[in-house]
Amino acid sequence: MRILLVEDDQMIGSSLSLALRRDGMAVDWVHDGDTALEALASGEHNLVLLDLGLPGTGGLEVLAATRRRQDKRPVLIITARDDVETRIEGLDLGADDFIVKPFDFKELAARIRAVARRQNGHAASAIIAGEITLDLATHEVSYRGIVEVLPAREFTLLEALCERPGTILSRAQLEDRLYGWGDEVESNAVDVLIHYVRRRFDKDIVRNVRGAGWMVIKSRQ
């Protein structure tokens, strides 16, 4: 999952970015509302973590502008404001969830997973694609009787493929899910991750389509 973090506090933004990356998410961090609107216009992100007390254009204004242009990507508000009126306004403007600072990162991660599930039409914290089952909460993967807990980026790569079984994803599409703006990406990074996943399970878990990219199959063959 690629996340846009909109947070002006240096300490909070830095610690959140680190924790999200460790959890396998690609993170792009911006510090003000105007830059957030520019970033959202690119369409690169799957979910937005939005602070309200931003310099310049405020968080609620960013949210309102995003929904006015029919952008349906999930927005999770993170703020120190704990009054009921702000919560109501944020939710009525189109926020998908609301969490008050300070919060435990595990709770935030669970809320991110829940919002993402709703967006993708999943009721449970799992994705099933053919013979592959991914547990989004534990990073446990099951395939043909083999069960492994995957490191963050291996899991993220497999998650991206399993969200769209039968669809070929290019190297660039997978890199967009794995890495943020400032991350250094080795030219063979995707190949290496796929090699690790295949080594854990079987070469058939991820299929290569020569010259196009990679895919997982929808059902057993």
C-alpha atoms as a PDB file:
ATOM      1  CA  MET A   1       0.000   0.000   0.000  1.00  0.00           C
ATOM      2  CA  ARG A   2       1.260   3.484  -0.858  1.00  0.00           C
ATOM      3  CA  ILE A   3       0.310   6.118   1.689  1.00  0.00           C
ATOM      4  CA  LEU A   4       0.328   9.906   1.570  1.00  0.00           C
ATOM      5  CA  LEU A   5       1.145  11.199   5.055  1.00  0.00           C
ATOM      6  CA  VAL A   6       0.125  14.827   5.590  1.00  0.00           C
ATOM      7  CA  GLU A   7       1.671  15.957   8.881  1.00  0.00           C
ATOM      8  CA  ASP A   8       3.485  19.189   9.777  1.00  0.00           C
ATOM      9  CA  ASP A   9       5.011  18.012  13.069  1.00  0.00           C
ATOM     10  CA  GLN A  10       8.563  16.847  12.342  1.00  0.00           C
ATOM     11  CA  MET A  11       8.802  14.384  15.208  1.00  0.00           C
ATOM     12  CA  ILE A  12       5.393  12.781  14.610  1.00  0.00           C
ATOM     13  CA  GLY A  13       5.860  12.645  10.846  1.00  0.00           C
ATOM     14  CA  SER A  14       9.314  11.106  11.106  1.00  0.00           C
ATOM     15  CA  SER A  15       8.276   8.406  13.576  1.00  0.00           C
ATOM     16  CA  LEU A  16       5.107   7.589  11.633  1.00  0.00           C
ATOM     17  CA  SER A  17       6.968   7.336   8.333  1.00  0.00           C
ATOM     18  CA  LEU A  18       9.478   4.940   9.865  1.00  0.00           C
ATOM     19  CA  ALA A  19       6.817   2.776  11.521  1.00  0.00           C
ATOM     20  CA  LEU A  20       4.700   2.577   8.356  1.00  0.00           C
ATOM     21  CA  ARG A  21       7.699   1.584   6.246  1.00  0.00           C
ATOM     22  CA  ARG A  22       8.639  -1.098   8.751  1.00  0.00           C
ATOM     23  CA  ASP A  23       5.089  -2.405   8.378  1.00  0.00           C
ATOM     24  CA  GLY A  24       5.634  -2.765   4.633  1.00  0.00           C
ATOM     25  CA  MET A  25       3.980   0.390   3.351  1.00  0.00           C
ATOM     26  CA  ALA A  26       5.435   2.908   0.917  1.00  0.00           C
ATOM     27  CA  VAL A  27       5.142   6.402   2.417  1.00  0.00           C
ATOM     28  CA  ASP A  28       5.306   9.875   0.889  1.00  0.00           C
ATOM     29  CA  TRP A  29       5.351  12.582   3.570  1.00  0.00           C
ATOM     30  CA  VAL A  30       4.266  16.175   2.940  1.00  0.00           C
ATOM     31  CA  HIS A  31       4.094  18.966   5.510  1.00  0.00           C
ATOM     32  CA  ASP A  32       1.282  21.280   4.393  1.00  0.00           C
ATOM     33  CA  GLY A  33      -2.125  21.277   2.775  1.00  0.00           C
ATOM     34  CA  ASP A  34      -1.161  22.871  -0.537  1.00  0.00           C
ATOM     35  CA  THR A  35       1.531  20.267  -1.192  1.00  0.00           C
ATOM     36  CA  ALA A  36      -0.922  17.558  -0.158  1.00  0.00           C
ATOM     37  CA  LEU A  37      -3.405  18.690  -2.814  1.00  0.00           C
ATOM     38  CA  GLU A  38      -0.662  18.619  -5.450  1.00  0.00           C
ATOM     39  CA  ALA A  39       0.358  15.119  -4.374  1.00  0.00           C
ATOM     40  CA  LEU A  40      -3.232  13.879  -4.419  1.00  0.00           C
ATOM     41  CA  ALA A  41      -3.670  15.169  -7.956  1.00  0.00           C
ATOM     42  CA  SER A  42      -1.003  12.700  -9.095  1.00  0.00           C
ATOM     43  CA  GLY A  43      -3.244   9.745  -8.188  1.00  0.00           C
ATOM     44  CA  GLU A  44      -0.276   7.701  -6.910  1.00  0.00           C
ATOM     45  CA  HIS A  45      -1.541   6.931  -3.409  1.00  0.00           C
ATOM     46  CA  ASN A  46      -3.921   4.284  -2.070  1.00  0.00           C
ATOM     47  CA  LEU A  47      -4.730   5.984   1.252  1.00  0.00           C
ATOM     48  CA  VAL A  48      -4.243   9.350   2.982  1.00  0.00           C
ATOM     49  CA  LEU A  49      -3.297   9.972   6.616  1.00  0.00           C
ATOM     50  CA  LEU A  50      -4.370  13.571   7.157  1.00  0.00           C
ATOM     51  CA  ASP A  51      -3.563  15.886  10.045  1.00  0.00           C
ATOM     52  CA  LEU A  52      -5.968  18.806  10.516  1.00  0.00           C
ATOM     53  CA  GLY A  53      -3.750  21.543  11.996  1.00  0.00           C
ATOM     54  CA  LEU A  54      -1.695  22.262   8.884  1.00  0.00           C
ATOM     55  CA  PRO A  55      -0.002  25.494   7.785  1.00  0.00           C
ATOM     56  CA  GLY A  56      -1.741  27.229   4.876  1.00  0.00           C
ATOM     57  CA  THR A  57      -4.639  25.125   3.634  1.00  0.00           C
ATOM     58  CA  GLY A  58      -6.042  23.236   6.625  1.00  0.00           C
ATOM     59  CA  GLY A  59      -6.742  19.537   6.784  1.00  0.00           C
ATOM     60  CA  LEU A  60     -10.520  19.876   6.573  1.00  0.00           C
ATOM     61  CA  GLU A  61     -10.129  22.095   3.511  1.00  0.00           C
ATOM     62  CA  VAL A  62      -7.888  19.479   1.904  1.00  0.00           C
ATOM     63  CA  LEU A  63     -10.489  16.806   2.643  1.00  0.00           C
ATOM     64  CA  ALA A  64     -13.347  18.905   1.259  1.00  0.00           C
ATOM     65  CA  ALA A  65     -11.420  19.736  -1.927  1.00  0.00           C
ATOM     66  CA  THR A  66     -10.520  16.074  -2.400  1.00  0.00           C
ATOM     67  CA  ARG A  67     -14.127  14.929  -2.163  1.00  0.00           C
ATOM     68  CA  ARG A  68     -15.373  17.762  -4.409  1.00  0.00           C
ATOM     69  CA  ARG A  69     -13.322  16.357  -7.247  1.00  0.00           C
ATOM     70  CA  GLN A  70     -14.856  12.912  -6.695  1.00  0.00           C
ATOM     71  CA  ASP A  71     -11.681  11.383  -5.281  1.00  0.00           C
ATOM     72  CA  LYS A  72     -12.853   8.270  -3.409  1.00  0.00           C
ATOM     73  CA  ARG A  73      -9.540   7.180  -1.933  1.00  0.00           C
ATOM     74  CA  PRO A  74      -9.699   6.476   1.813  1.00  0.00           C
ATOM     75  CA  VAL A  75      -8.804   9.336   4.138  1.00  0.00           C
ATOM     76  CA  LEU A  76      -7.980   8.663   7.787  1.00  0.00           C
ATOM     77  CA  ILE A  77      -7.770  11.780   9.947  1.00  0.00           C
ATOM     78  CA  ILE A  78      -4.999  11.897  12.575  1.00  0.00           C
ATOM     79  CA  THR A  79      -5.290  14.880  14.893  1.00  0.00           C
ATOM     80  CA  ALA A  80      -4.870  16.180  18.424  1.00  0.00           C
ATOM     81  CA  ARG A  81      -8.358  17.707  18.289  1.00  0.00           C
ATOM     82  CA  ASP A  82     -10.677  15.499  20.309  1.00  0.00           C
ATOM     83  CA  ASP A  83     -13.896  17.552  20.354  1.00  0.00           C
ATOM     84  CA  VAL A  84     -17.023  15.915  18.992  1.00  0.00           C
ATOM     85  CA  GLU A  85     -17.785  18.787  16.584  1.00  0.00           C
ATOM     86  CA  THR A  86     -14.482  18.327  14.730  1.00  0.00           C
ATOM     87  CA  ARG A  87     -15.053  14.573  14.444  1.00  0.00           C
ATOM     88  CA  ILE A  88     -18.541  15.113  13.065  1.00  0.00           C
ATOM     89  CA  GLU A  89     -17.342  17.716  10.573  1.00  0.00           C
ATOM     90  CA  GLY A  90     -14.503  15.511   9.384  1.00  0.00           C
ATOM     91  CA  LEU A  91     -16.716  12.462   8.924  1.00  0.00           C
ATOM     92  CA  ASP A  92     -19.438  14.485   7.214  1.00  0.00           C
ATOM     93  CA  LEU A  93     -16.871  15.922   4.798  1.00  0.00           C
ATOM     94  CA  GLY A  94     -15.956  12.390   3.730  1.00  0.00           C
ATOM     95  CA  ALA A  95     -13.278  11.049   6.090  1.00  0.00           C
ATOM     96  CA  ASP A  96     -13.311   7.267   6.420  1.00  0.00           C
ATOM     97  CA  ASP A  97     -11.995   7.156   9.975  1.00  0.00           C
ATOM     98  CA  PHE A  98     -10.686   9.379  12.752  1.00  0.00           C
ATOM     99  CA  ILE A  99      -7.986   8.748  15.348  1.00  0.00           C
ATOM    100  CA  VAL A 100      -6.881  11.168  18.081  1.00  0.00           C
ATOM    101  CA  LYS A 101      -3.219  11.774  19.020  1.00  0.00           C
ATOM    102  CA  PRO A 102      -1.451  10.359  20.873  1.00  0.00           C
ATOM    103  CA  PHE A 103      -2.300   6.881  19.590  1.00  0.00           C
ATOM    104  CA  ASP A 104      -0.697   3.458  19.570  1.00  0.00           C
ATOM    105  CA  PHE A 105       0.775   2.611  16.168  1.00  0.00           C
ATOM    106  CA  LYS A 106      -0.739  -0.886  16.280  1.00  0.00           C
ATOM    107  CA  GLU A 107      -4.196   0.674  16.492  1.00  0.00           C
ATOM    108  CA  LEU A 108      -3.433   3.008  13.593  1.00  0.00           C
ATOM    109  CA  ALA A 109      -2.168   0.088  11.492  1.00  0.00           C
ATOM    110  CA  ALA A 110      -5.340  -1.877  12.276  1.00  0.00           C
ATOM    111  CA  ARG A 111      -7.497   1.084  11.255  1.00  0.00           C
ATOM    112  CA  ILE A 112      -5.530   1.432   8.014  1.00  0.00           C
ATOM    113  CA  ARG A 113      -6.117  -2.247   7.252  1.00  0.00           C
ATOM    114  CA  ALA A 114      -9.822  -1.922   8.056  1.00  0.00           C
ATOM    115  CA  VAL A 115     -10.277   1.133   5.829  1.00  0.00           C
ATOM    116  CA  ALA A 116      -8.327  -0.554   3.018  1.00  0.00           C
ATOM    117  CA  ARG A 117     -10.470  -3.702   3.331  1.00  0.00           C
ATOM    118  CA  ARG A 118     -13.654  -1.707   2.962  1.00  0.00           C
ATOM    119  CA  GLN A 119     -12.226   0.107  -0.046  1.00  0.00           C
ATOM    120  CA  ASN A 120     -11.324  -3.205  -1.710  1.00  0.00           C
ATOM    121  CA  GLY A 121     -14.540  -4.958  -0.752  1.00  0.00           C
ATOM    122  CA  HIS A 122     -13.010  -7.415   1.747  1.00  0.00           C
ATOM    123  CA  ALA A 123     -14.974  -8.190   4.898  1.00  0.00           C
ATOM    124  CA  ALA A 124     -12.207 -10.156   6.622  1.00  0.00           C
ATOM    125  CA  SER A 125      -8.562  -9.319   7.248  1.00  0.00           C
ATOM    126  CA  ALA A 126      -7.458 -11.693   4.506  1.00  0.00           C
ATOM    127  CA  ILE A 127      -7.031 -11.809   0.750  1.00  0.00           C
ATOM    128  CA  ILE A 128      -7.574 -15.062  -1.142  1.00  0.00           C
ATOM    129  CA  ALA A 129      -6.308 -15.424  -4.685  1.00  0.00           C
ATOM    130  CA  GLY A 130      -6.425 -18.954  -6.066  1.00  0.00           C
ATOM    131  CA  GLU A 131      -4.317 -21.098  -3.744  1.00  0.00           C
ATOM    132  CA  ILE A 132      -2.813 -18.100  -1.944  1.00  0.00           C
ATOM    133  CA  THR A 133      -4.201 -16.747   1.325  1.00  0.00           C
ATOM    134  CA  LEU A 134      -2.739 -13.581   2.866  1.00  0.00           C
ATOM    135  CA  ASP A 135      -3.480 -12.513   6.433  1.00  0.00           C
ATOM    136  CA  LEU A 136      -3.189  -8.722   6.406  1.00  0.00           C
ATOM    137  CA  ALA A 137      -2.833  -8.449  10.179  1.00  0.00           C
ATOM    138  CA  THR A 138      -0.058 -11.010  10.717  1.00  0.00           C
ATOM    139  CA  HIS A 139       1.681 -11.054   7.285  1.00  0.00           C
ATOM    140  CA  GLU A 140       1.137 -14.819   7.249  1.00  0.00           C
ATOM    141  CA  VAL A 141       0.872 -16.400   3.801  1.00  0.00           C
ATOM    142  CA  SER A 142      -0.462 -19.853   2.997  1.00  0.00           C
ATOM    143  CA  TYR A 143       0.193 -21.594  -0.332  1.00  0.00           C
ATOM    144  CA  ARG A 144      -0.203 -25.300  -1.143  1.00  0.00           C
ATOM    145  CA  GLY A 145       0.133 -26.345   2.479  1.00  0.00           C
ATOM    146  CA  ILE A 146       3.126 -24.111   3.212  1.00  0.00           C
ATOM    147  CA  VAL A 147       2.611 -21.331   5.760  1.00  0.00           C
ATOM    148  CA  GLU A 148       5.164 -18.550   6.210  1.00  0.00           C
ATOM    149  CA  VAL A 149       5.245 -15.134   7.879  1.00  0.00           C
ATOM    150  CA  LEU A 150       6.778 -12.833   5.271  1.00  0.00           C
ATOM    151  CA  PRO A 151       9.014  -9.798   5.781  1.00  0.00           C
ATOM    152  CA  ALA A 152       7.293  -6.503   5.049  1.00  0.00           C
ATOM    153  CA  ARG A 153       8.298  -5.884   1.433  1.00  0.00           C
ATOM    154  CA  GLU A 154       7.856  -9.493   0.313  1.00  0.00           C
ATOM    155  CA  PHE A 155       4.355  -9.409   1.776  1.00  0.00           C
ATOM    156  CA  THR A 156       3.569  -6.050   0.162  1.00  0.00           C
ATOM    157  CA  LEU A 157       4.627  -7.319  -3.260  1.00  0.00           C
ATOM    158  CA  LEU A 158       2.474 -10.440  -2.931  1.00  0.00           C
ATOM    159  CA  GLU A 159      -0.425  -8.360  -1.602  1.00  0.00           C
ATOM    160  CA  ALA A 160      -0.293  -6.085  -4.662  1.00  0.00           C
ATOM    161  CA  LEU A 161      -0.448  -9.093  -6.991  1.00  0.00           C
ATOM    162  CA  CYS A 162      -3.181 -10.883  -5.023  1.00  0.00           C
ATOM    163  CA  GLU A 163      -5.425  -7.814  -4.988  1.00  0.00           C
ATOM    164  CA  ARG A 164      -5.670  -8.194  -8.779  1.00  0.00           C
ATOM    165  CA  PRO A 165      -5.321 -11.910  -9.555  1.00  0.00           C
ATOM    166  CA  GLY A 166      -5.063 -12.660 -13.244  1.00  0.00           C
ATOM    167  CA  THR A 167      -3.811  -9.125 -13.960  1.00  0.00           C
ATOM    168  CA  ILE A 168      -0.239  -8.510 -15.091  1.00  0.00           C
ATOM    169  CA  LEU A 169       1.544  -5.857 -13.024  1.00  0.00           C
ATOM    170  CA  SER A 170       4.609  -4.204 -14.516  1.00  0.00           C
ATOM    171  CA  ARG A 171       7.873  -3.518 -12.729  1.00  0.00           C
ATOM    172  CA  ALA A 172       6.915   0.168 -12.421  1.00  0.00           C
ATOM    173  CA  GLN A 173       3.504  -0.662 -10.924  1.00  0.00           C
ATOM    174  CA  LEU A 174       5.068  -2.918  -8.307  1.00  0.00           C
ATOM    175  CA  GLU A 175       7.786  -0.395  -7.480  1.00  0.00           C
ATOM    176  CA  ASP A 176       5.075   2.228  -6.933  1.00  0.00           C
ATOM    177  CA  ARG A 177       3.525  -0.009  -4.266  1.00  0.00           C
ATOM    178  CA  LEU A 178       6.842  -0.840  -2.628  1.00  0.00           C
ATOM    179  CA  TYR A 179       8.702   2.467  -2.526  1.00  0.00           C
ATOM    180  CA  GLY A 180       8.020   6.117  -1.686  1.00  0.00           C
ATOM    181  CA  TRP A 181       9.436   9.222  -3.362  1.00  0.00           C
ATOM    182  CA  GLY A 182      12.683   9.352  -1.421  1.00  0.00           C
ATOM    183  CA  ASP A 183      13.449   5.631  -1.365  1.00  0.00           C
ATOM    184  CA  GLU A 184      16.404   4.344  -3.336  1.00  0.00           C
ATOM    185  CA  VAL A 185      15.283   1.563  -5.670  1.00  0.00           C
ATOM    186  CA  GLU A 186      17.750  -0.954  -7.058  1.00  0.00           C
ATOM    187  CA  SER A 187      17.124  -1.886 -10.699  1.00  0.00           C
ATOM    188  CA  ASN A 188      16.525  -5.539  -9.793  1.00  0.00           C
ATOM    189  CA  ALA A 189      14.671  -4.964  -6.505  1.00  0.00           C
ATOM    190  CA  VAL A 190      11.393  -6.504  -7.723  1.00  0.00           C
ATOM    191  CA  ASP A 191      13.209  -9.535  -9.195  1.00  0.00           C
ATOM    192  CA  VAL A 192      14.976 -10.138  -5.890  1.00  0.00           C
ATOM    193  CA  LEU A 193      11.757  -9.982  -3.865  1.00  0.00           C
ATOM    194  CA  ILE A 194       9.993 -12.364  -6.247  1.00  0.00           C
ATOM    195  CA  HIS A 195      12.958 -14.740  -6.001  1.00  0.00           C
ATOM    196  CA  TYR A 196      12.659 -14.732  -2.205  1.00  0.00           C
ATOM    197  CA  VAL A 197       8.899 -15.393  -2.336  1.00  0.00           C
ATOM    198  CA  ARG A 198       9.310 -18.258  -4.798  1.00  0.00           C
ATOM    199  CA  ARG A 199      12.090 -19.764  -2.703  1.00  0.00           C
ATOM    200  CA  ARG A 200       9.793 -19.830   0.327  1.00  0.00           C
ATOM    201  CA  PHE A 201       6.913 -21.498  -1.497  1.00  0.00           C
ATOM    202  CA  ASP A 202       7.190 -22.572  -5.139  1.00  0.00           C
ATOM    203  CA  LYS A 203       8.124 -20.963  -8.440  1.00  0.00           C
ATOM    204  CA  ASP A 204       4.468 -21.128  -9.547  1.00  0.00           C
ATOM    205  CA  ILE A 205       3.249 -18.782  -6.794  1.00  0.00           C
ATOM    206  CA  VAL A 206       4.204 -15.789  -8.962  1.00  0.00           C
ATOM    207  CA  ARG A 207       4.040 -16.165 -12.751  1.00  0.00           C
ATOM    208  CA  ASN A 208       6.305 -14.200 -15.074  1.00  0.00           C
ATOM    209  CA  VAL A 209       4.850 -12.852 -18.319  1.00  0.00           C
ATOM    210  CA  ARG A 210       7.876 -12.176 -20.481  1.00  0.00           C
ATOM    211  CA  GLY A 211       8.285  -8.539 -21.411  1.00  0.00           C
ATOM    212  CA  ALA A 212       5.187  -7.467 -19.462  1.00  0.00           C
ATOM    213  CA  GLY A 213       5.502  -8.214 -15.745  1.00  0.00           C
ATOM    214  CA  TRP A 214       4.189 -10.636 -13.139  1.00  0.00           C
ATOM    215  CA  MET A 215       0.861 -12.046 -11.967  1.00  0.00           C
ATOM    216  CA  VAL A 216      -0.785 -14.579  -9.699  1.00  0.00           C
ATOM    217  CA  ILE A 217      -3.486 -16.824 -11.069  1.00  0.00           C
ATOM    218  CA  LYS A 218      -7.138 -16.512 -10.097  1.00  0.00           C
ATOM    219  CA  SER A 219      -7.815 -20.190  -9.472  1.00  0.00           C
ATOM    220  CA  ARG A 220      -6.203 -23.590  -9.508  1.00  0.00           C
ATOM    221  CA  GLN A 221      -4.990 -24.957 -12.805  1.00  0.00           C
END
